[in-house]
Amino acid sequence: MLRFGPHGTIHEHSAECDIDVVCLDGQGMTSVDGDAAEIRKGQSIRWPATAQHRLWTEDHDMVTLMIEHIEGARA
C-alpha cells in the first residue's frame, strides 16, 4: 500500500512484472509510457511489465494498493 499527500509522487520508472494499481481512497494521476490519466477511489489500472510508469497526486490525498504479478510466485 502507498499513501500520498498532496503533491506526492513516485518518479517514472519501469518494473519487470505487471502491476495492478488499485485506488482505495482519494484521487491522483498515473501515467504509462507518457500517457497520463486520472485515477479515483474504486478505479484500477494495470502497468505492463517494462513500461515506464508513474503515480502522483496534485491537490488531493490518495491511498493505493499495488499488486505485483511475479511469474512463478505462489499465493
PDB file of N, CA and C in Angstrom:
ATOM      1  N   MET A   1       0.841  -1.176   0.000  1.00  0.00           N
ATOM      2  CA  MET A   1       0.000   0.000   0.000  1.00  0.00           C
ATOM      3  C   MET A   1       0.886   1.238   0.000  1.00  0.00           C
ATOM      4  N   LEU A   2       0.414   2.242  -0.700  1.00  0.00           N
ATOM      5  CA  LEU A   2       1.106   3.520  -0.743  1.00  0.00           C
ATOM      6  C   LEU A   2       0.128   4.626  -0.374  1.00  0.00           C
ATOM      7  N   ARG A   3       0.586   5.543   0.437  1.00  0.00           N
ATOM      8  CA  ARG A   3      -0.242   6.685   0.858  1.00  0.00           C
ATOM      9  C   ARG A   3       0.450   7.963   0.373  1.00  0.00           C
ATOM     10  N   PHE A   4      -0.292   8.798  -0.343  1.00  0.00           N
ATOM     11  CA  PHE A   4       0.228  10.049  -0.867  1.00  0.00           C
ATOM     12  C   PHE A   4      -0.513  11.225  -0.247  1.00  0.00           C
ATOM     13  N   GLY A   5       0.205  12.250   0.138  1.00  0.00           N
ATOM     14  CA  GLY A   5      -0.385  13.529   0.489  1.00  0.00           C
ATOM     15  C   GLY A   5      -0.464  14.364  -0.782  1.00  0.00           C
ATOM     16  N   PRO A   6      -0.978  15.574  -0.678  1.00  0.00           N
ATOM     17  CA  PRO A   6      -0.988  16.460  -1.844  1.00  0.00           C
ATOM     18  C   PRO A   6       0.438  16.649  -2.389  1.00  0.00           C
ATOM     19  N   HIS A   7       0.548  16.579  -3.702  1.00  0.00           N
ATOM     20  CA  HIS A   7       1.813  16.777  -4.420  1.00  0.00           C
ATOM     21  C   HIS A   7       2.838  15.674  -4.141  1.00  0.00           C
ATOM     22  N   GLY A   8       2.349  14.476  -3.777  1.00  0.00           N
ATOM     23  CA  GLY A   8       3.236  13.318  -3.610  1.00  0.00           C
ATOM     24  C   GLY A   8       3.500  12.673  -4.961  1.00  0.00           C
ATOM     25  N   THR A   9       4.593  11.911  -5.065  1.00  0.00           N
ATOM     26  CA  THR A   9       4.914  11.281  -6.347  1.00  0.00           C
ATOM     27  C   THR A   9       5.785  10.042  -6.194  1.00  0.00           C
ATOM     28  N   ILE A  10       5.639   9.150  -7.136  1.00  0.00           N
ATOM     29  CA  ILE A  10       6.610   8.096  -7.416  1.00  0.00           C
ATOM     30  C   ILE A  10       7.167   8.482  -8.776  1.00  0.00           C
ATOM     31  N   HIS A  11       8.454   8.707  -8.846  1.00  0.00           N
ATOM     32  CA  HIS A  11       9.058   9.118 -10.112  1.00  0.00           C
ATOM     33  C   HIS A  11       8.965   8.010 -11.149  1.00  0.00           C
ATOM     34  N   GLU A  12       8.970   8.387 -12.408  1.00  0.00           N
ATOM     35  CA  GLU A  12       8.824   7.443 -13.513  1.00  0.00           C
ATOM     36  C   GLU A  12       9.928   6.385 -13.467  1.00  0.00           C
ATOM     37  N   HIS A  13       9.516   5.134 -13.645  1.00  0.00           N
ATOM     38  CA  HIS A  13      10.437   4.000 -13.659  1.00  0.00           C
ATOM     39  C   HIS A  13       9.716   2.827 -14.317  1.00  0.00           C
ATOM     40  N   SER A  14      10.382   1.710 -14.466  1.00  0.00           N
ATOM     41  CA  SER A  14       9.761   0.507 -15.002  1.00  0.00           C
ATOM     42  C   SER A  14       9.918  -0.628 -13.998  1.00  0.00           C
ATOM     43  N   ALA A  15       9.235  -1.738 -14.244  1.00  0.00           N
ATOM     44  CA  ALA A  15       9.342  -2.930 -13.404  1.00  0.00           C
ATOM     45  C   ALA A  15       9.375  -4.156 -14.318  1.00  0.00           C
ATOM     46  N   GLU A  16       9.856  -5.242 -13.790  1.00  0.00           N
ATOM     47  CA  GLU A  16       9.979  -6.473 -14.579  1.00  0.00           C
ATOM     48  C   GLU A  16       8.686  -7.291 -14.611  1.00  0.00           C
ATOM     49  N   CYS A  17       7.648  -6.836 -13.901  1.00  0.00           N
ATOM     50  CA  CYS A  17       6.387  -7.593 -13.863  1.00  0.00           C
ATOM     51  C   CYS A  17       5.217  -6.625 -14.057  1.00  0.00           C
ATOM     52  N   ASP A  18       4.057  -7.181 -14.433  1.00  0.00           N
ATOM     53  CA  ASP A  18       2.827  -6.391 -14.475  1.00  0.00           C
ATOM     54  C   ASP A  18       2.468  -5.984 -13.049  1.00  0.00           C
ATOM     55  N   ILE A  19       1.902  -4.787 -12.897  1.00  0.00           N
ATOM     56  CA  ILE A  19       1.467  -4.306 -11.588  1.00  0.00           C
ATOM     57  C   ILE A  19       0.067  -3.727 -11.717  1.00  0.00           C
ATOM     58  N   ASP A  20      -0.852  -4.194 -10.873  1.00  0.00           N
ATOM     59  CA  ASP A  20      -2.179  -3.595 -10.777  1.00  0.00           C
ATOM     60  C   ASP A  20      -2.122  -2.513  -9.706  1.00  0.00           C
ATOM     61  N   VAL A  21      -2.618  -1.330 -10.039  1.00  0.00           N
ATOM     62  CA  VAL A  21      -2.710  -0.211  -9.109  1.00  0.00           C
ATOM     63  C   VAL A  21      -4.192  -0.007  -8.820  1.00  0.00           C
ATOM     64  N   VAL A  22      -4.585  -0.175  -7.556  1.00  0.00           N
ATOM     65  CA  VAL A  22      -5.976  -0.023  -7.149  1.00  0.00           C
ATOM     66  C   VAL A  22      -6.057   1.196  -6.240  1.00  0.00           C
ATOM     67  N   CYS A  23      -6.869   2.176  -6.609  1.00  0.00           N
ATOM     68  CA  CYS A  23      -7.049   3.370  -5.791  1.00  0.00           C
ATOM     69  C   CYS A  23      -8.101   3.059  -4.718  1.00  0.00           C
ATOM     70  N   LEU A  24      -7.673   3.020  -3.466  1.00  0.00           N
ATOM     71  CA  LEU A  24      -8.566   2.699  -2.352  1.00  0.00           C
ATOM     72  C   LEU A  24      -9.258   3.934  -1.787  1.00  0.00           C
ATOM     73  N   ASP A  25      -8.606   5.089  -1.911  1.00  0.00           N
ATOM     74  CA  ASP A  25      -9.185   6.314  -1.357  1.00  0.00           C
ATOM     75  C   ASP A  25      -8.554   7.519  -2.045  1.00  0.00           C
ATOM     76  N   GLY A  26      -9.332   8.576  -2.219  1.00  0.00           N
ATOM     77  CA  GLY A  26      -8.834   9.810  -2.797  1.00  0.00           C
ATOM     78  C   GLY A  26      -8.740   9.766  -4.311  1.00  0.00           C
ATOM     79  N   GLN A  27      -7.811  10.548  -4.839  1.00  0.00           N
ATOM     80  CA  GLN A  27      -7.612  10.579  -6.283  1.00  0.00           C
ATOM     81  C   GLN A  27      -6.225  11.099  -6.600  1.00  0.00           C
ATOM     82  N   GLY A  28      -5.748  10.745  -7.785  1.00  0.00           N
ATOM     83  CA  GLY A  28      -4.439  11.187  -8.227  1.00  0.00           C
ATOM     84  C   GLY A  28      -4.304  10.987  -9.721  1.00  0.00           C
ATOM     85  N   MET A  29      -3.073  10.865 -10.159  1.00  0.00           N
ATOM     86  CA  MET A  29      -2.761  10.701 -11.572  1.00  0.00           C
ATOM     87  C   MET A  29      -1.811   9.529 -11.747  1.00  0.00           C
ATOM     88  N   THR A  30      -1.883   8.910 -12.920  1.00  0.00           N
ATOM     89  CA  THR A  30      -0.952   7.852 -13.281  1.00  0.00           C
ATOM     90  C   THR A  30      -0.562   8.045 -14.736  1.00  0.00           C
ATOM     91  N   SER A  31       0.604   7.549 -15.090  1.00  0.00           N
ATOM     92  CA  SER A  31       0.993   7.567 -16.491  1.00  0.00           C
ATOM     93  C   SER A  31       1.665   6.245 -16.836  1.00  0.00           C
ATOM     94  N   VAL A  32       1.475   5.835 -18.078  1.00  0.00           N
ATOM     95  CA  VAL A  32       2.112   4.643 -18.629  1.00  0.00           C
ATOM     96  C   VAL A  32       2.707   5.052 -19.968  1.00  0.00           C
ATOM     97  N   ASP A  33       4.020   4.907 -20.072  1.00  0.00           N
ATOM     98  CA  ASP A  33       4.739   5.315 -21.288  1.00  0.00           C
ATOM     99  C   ASP A  33       4.352   6.720 -21.745  1.00  0.00           C
ATOM    100  N   GLY A  34       4.193   7.632 -20.772  1.00  0.00           N
ATOM    101  CA  GLY A  34       3.930   9.035 -21.082  1.00  0.00           C
ATOM    102  C   GLY A  34       2.479   9.425 -21.245  1.00  0.00           C
ATOM    103  N   ASP A  35       1.549   8.444 -21.260  1.00  0.00           N
ATOM    104  CA  ASP A  35       0.113   8.746 -21.365  1.00  0.00           C
ATOM    105  C   ASP A  35      -0.469   8.868 -19.962  1.00  0.00           C
ATOM    106  N   ALA A  36      -0.909  10.068 -19.588  1.00  0.00           N
ATOM    107  CA  ALA A  36      -1.416  10.332 -18.241  1.00  0.00           C
ATOM    108  C   ALA A  36      -2.929  10.211 -18.177  1.00  0.00           C
ATOM    109  N   ALA A  37      -3.422   9.776 -17.013  1.00  0.00           N
ATOM    110  CA  ALA A  37      -4.859   9.666 -16.764  1.00  0.00           C
ATOM    111  C   ALA A  37      -5.116   9.823 -15.271  1.00  0.00           C
ATOM    112  N   GLU A  38      -6.303  10.307 -14.942  1.00  0.00           N
ATOM    113  CA  GLU A  38      -6.717  10.414 -13.548  1.00  0.00           C
ATOM    114  C   GLU A  38      -7.110   9.037 -13.034  1.00  0.00           C
ATOM    115  N   ILE A  39      -6.856   8.805 -11.756  1.00  0.00           N
ATOM    116  CA  ILE A  39      -7.321   7.585 -11.090  1.00  0.00           C
ATOM    117  C   ILE A  39      -7.990   8.013  -9.787  1.00  0.00           C
ATOM    118  N   ARG A  40      -9.195   7.450  -9.539  1.00  0.00           N
ATOM    119  CA  ARG A  40     -10.006   7.816  -8.372  1.00  0.00           C
ATOM    120  C   ARG A  40     -10.370   6.578  -7.563  1.00  0.00           C
ATOM    121  N   LYS A  41     -10.856   6.812  -6.351  1.00  0.00           N
ATOM    122  CA  LYS A  41     -11.295   5.742  -5.465  1.00  0.00           C
ATOM    123  C   LYS A  41     -12.182   4.755  -6.232  1.00  0.00           C
ATOM    124  N   GLY A  42     -11.851   3.463  -6.129  1.00  0.00           N
ATOM    125  CA  GLY A  42     -12.628   2.416  -6.783  1.00  0.00           C
ATOM    126  C   GLY A  42     -12.132   2.054  -8.172  1.00  0.00           C
ATOM    127  N   GLN A  43     -11.199   2.811  -8.726  1.00  0.00           N
ATOM    128  CA  GLN A  43     -10.664   2.521 -10.054  1.00  0.00           C
ATOM    129  C   GLN A  43      -9.323   1.808  -9.949  1.00  0.00           C
ATOM    130  N   SER A  44      -8.965   1.113 -11.022  1.00  0.00           N
ATOM    131  CA  SER A  44      -7.665   0.449 -11.067  1.00  0.00           C
ATOM    132  C   SER A  44      -7.088   0.546 -12.472  1.00  0.00           C
ATOM    133  N   ILE A  45      -5.789   0.326 -12.550  1.00  0.00           N
ATOM    134  CA  ILE A  45      -5.082   0.323 -13.822  1.00  0.00           C
ATOM    135  C   ILE A  45      -3.978  -0.726 -13.734  1.00  0.00           C
ATOM    136  N   ARG A  46      -3.630  -1.306 -14.855  1.00  0.00           N
ATOM    137  CA  ARG A  46      -2.506  -2.244 -14.889  1.00  0.00           C
ATOM    138  C   ARG A  46      -1.340  -1.576 -15.599  1.00  0.00           C
ATOM    139  N   TRP A  47      -0.188  -1.589 -14.920  1.00  0.00           N
ATOM    140  CA  TRP A  47       1.053  -1.163 -15.542  1.00  0.00           C
ATOM    141  C   TRP A  47       1.708  -2.398 -16.138  1.00  0.00           C
ATOM    142  N   PRO A  48       1.875  -2.472 -17.464  1.00  0.00           N
ATOM    143  CA  PRO A  48       2.508  -3.644 -18.072  1.00  0.00           C
ATOM    144  C   PRO A  48       4.000  -3.712 -17.727  1.00  0.00           C
ATOM    145  N   ALA A  49       4.506  -4.928 -17.651  1.00  0.00           N
ATOM    146  CA  ALA A  49       5.936  -5.138 -17.400  1.00  0.00           C
ATOM    147  C   ALA A  49       6.754  -4.338 -18.408  1.00  0.00           C
ATOM    148  N   THR A  50       7.828  -3.769 -17.948  1.00  0.00           N
ATOM    149  CA  THR A  50       8.826  -2.991 -18.691  1.00  0.00           C
ATOM    150  C   THR A  50       8.332  -1.621 -19.157  1.00  0.00           C
ATOM    151  N   ALA A  51       7.060  -1.288 -19.001  1.00  0.00           N
ATOM    152  CA  ALA A  51       6.563   0.042 -19.385  1.00  0.00           C
ATOM    153  C   ALA A  51       6.997   1.068 -18.342  1.00  0.00           C
ATOM    154  N   GLN A  52       7.355   2.249 -18.795  1.00  0.00           N
ATOM    155  CA  GLN A  52       7.657   3.347 -17.874  1.00  0.00           C
ATOM    156  C   GLN A  52       6.343   3.796 -17.240  1.00  0.00           C
ATOM    157  N   HIS A  53       6.310   3.913 -15.910  1.00  0.00           N
ATOM    158  CA  HIS A  53       5.078   4.308 -15.234  1.00  0.00           C
ATOM    159  C   HIS A  53       5.377   5.252 -14.078  1.00  0.00           C
ATOM    160  N   ARG A  54       4.352   5.975 -13.695  1.00  0.00           N
ATOM    161  CA  ARG A  54       4.471   6.977 -12.635  1.00  0.00           C
ATOM    162  C   ARG A  54       3.125   7.108 -11.943  1.00  0.00           C
ATOM    163  N   LEU A  55       3.136   7.530 -10.680  1.00  0.00           N
ATOM    164  CA  LEU A  55       1.926   7.749  -9.892  1.00  0.00           C
ATOM    165  C   LEU A  55       2.161   9.012  -9.069  1.00  0.00           C
ATOM    166  N   TRP A  56       1.144   9.932  -9.030  1.00  0.00           N
ATOM    167  CA  TRP A  56       1.316  11.164  -8.277  1.00  0.00           C
ATOM    168  C   TRP A  56      -0.036  11.774  -7.922  1.00  0.00           C
ATOM    169  N   THR A  57       0.021  12.734  -7.014  1.00  0.00           N
ATOM    170  CA  THR A  57      -1.172  13.492  -6.652  1.00  0.00           C
ATOM    171  C   THR A  57      -0.922  14.965  -6.937  1.00  0.00           C
ATOM    172  N   GLU A  58      -2.008  15.674  -7.111  1.00  0.00           N
ATOM    173  CA  GLU A  58      -1.921  17.128  -7.277  1.00  0.00           C
ATOM    174  C   GLU A  58      -2.409  17.764  -5.979  1.00  0.00           C
ATOM    175  N   ASP A  59      -3.683  18.066  -5.849  1.00  0.00           N
ATOM    176  CA  ASP A  59      -4.187  18.748  -4.645  1.00  0.00           C
ATOM    177  C   ASP A  59      -4.910  17.821  -3.666  1.00  0.00           C
ATOM    178  N   HIS A  60      -4.881  16.507  -3.884  1.00  0.00           N
ATOM    179  CA  HIS A  60      -5.633  15.567  -3.052  1.00  0.00           C
ATOM    180  C   HIS A  60      -4.718  14.528  -2.416  1.00  0.00           C
ATOM    181  N   ASP A  61      -5.241  13.843  -1.408  1.00  0.00           N
ATOM    182  CA  ASP A  61      -4.601  12.659  -0.845  1.00  0.00           C
ATOM    183  C   ASP A  61      -5.010  11.452  -1.677  1.00  0.00           C
ATOM    184  N   MET A  62      -4.232  10.368  -1.579  1.00  0.00           N
ATOM    185  CA  MET A  62      -4.598   9.123  -2.276  1.00  0.00           C
ATOM    186  C   MET A  62      -3.949   7.952  -1.553  1.00  0.00           C
ATOM    187  N   VAL A  63      -4.688   6.846  -1.475  1.00  0.00           N
ATOM    188  CA  VAL A  63      -4.164   5.589  -0.958  1.00  0.00           C
ATOM    189  C   VAL A  63      -4.339   4.552  -2.052  1.00  0.00           C
ATOM    190  N   THR A  64      -3.254   3.834  -2.385  1.00  0.00           N
ATOM    191  CA  THR A  64      -3.321   2.808  -3.424  1.00  0.00           C
ATOM    192  C   THR A  64      -2.813   1.476  -2.896  1.00  0.00           C
ATOM    193  N   LEU A  65      -3.311   0.423  -3.496  1.00  0.00           N
ATOM    194  CA  LEU A  65      -2.829  -0.935  -3.260  1.00  0.00           C
ATOM    195  C   LEU A  65      -2.120  -1.358  -4.542  1.00  0.00           C
ATOM    196  N   MET A  66      -0.880  -1.818  -4.426  1.00  0.00           N
ATOM    197  CA  MET A  66      -0.093  -2.240  -5.578  1.00  0.00           C
ATOM    198  C   MET A  66       0.000  -3.767  -5.544  1.00  0.00           C
ATOM    199  N   ILE A  67      -0.378  -4.410  -6.640  1.00  0.00           N
ATOM    200  CA  ILE A  67      -0.339  -5.875  -6.730  1.00  0.00           C
ATOM    201  C   ILE A  67       0.624  -6.248  -7.843  1.00  0.00           C
ATOM    202  N   GLU A  68       1.760  -6.843  -7.478  1.00  0.00           N
ATOM    203  CA  GLU A  68       2.767  -7.264  -8.447  1.00  0.00           C
ATOM    204  C   GLU A  68       2.460  -8.687  -8.908  1.00  0.00           C
ATOM    205  N   HIS A  69       2.470  -8.896 -10.217  1.00  0.00           N
ATOM    206  CA  HIS A  69       2.211 -10.208 -10.798  1.00  0.00           C
ATOM    207  C   HIS A  69       3.552 -10.829 -11.211  1.00  0.00           C
ATOM    208  N   ILE A  70       4.185 -11.461 -10.237  1.00  0.00           N
ATOM    209  CA  ILE A  70       5.506 -12.036 -10.451  1.00  0.00           C
ATOM    210  C   ILE A  70       5.356 -13.454 -10.952  1.00  0.00           C
ATOM    211  N   GLU A  71       5.886 -13.712 -12.145  1.00  0.00           N
ATOM    212  CA  GLU A  71       5.780 -15.041 -12.763  1.00  0.00           C
ATOM    213  C   GLU A  71       6.410 -16.082 -11.863  1.00  0.00           C
ATOM    214  N   GLY A  72       5.673 -17.163 -11.641  1.00  0.00           N
ATOM    215  CA  GLY A  72       6.158 -18.263 -10.827  1.00  0.00           C
ATOM    216  C   GLY A  72       5.954 -18.076  -9.329  1.00  0.00           C
ATOM    217  N   ALA A  73       5.425 -16.925  -8.908  1.00  0.00           N
ATOM    218  CA  ALA A  73       5.175 -16.687  -7.489  1.00  0.00           C
ATOM    219  C   ALA A  73       3.990 -17.524  -7.021  1.00  0.00           C
ATOM    220  N   ARG A  74       4.042 -17.969  -5.794  1.00  0.00           N
ATOM    221  CA  ARG A  74       2.946 -18.756  -5.217  1.00  0.00           C
ATOM    222  C   ARG A  74       2.106 -17.880  -4.294  1.00  0.00           C
ATOM    223  N   ALA A  75       0.808 -18.144  -4.325  1.00  0.00           N
ATOM    224  CA  ALA A  75      -0.104 -17.381  -3.472  1.00  0.00           C
ATOM    225  C   ALA A  75      -0.063 -17.880  -2.048  1.00  0.00           C
TER     226      ALA A  75
END
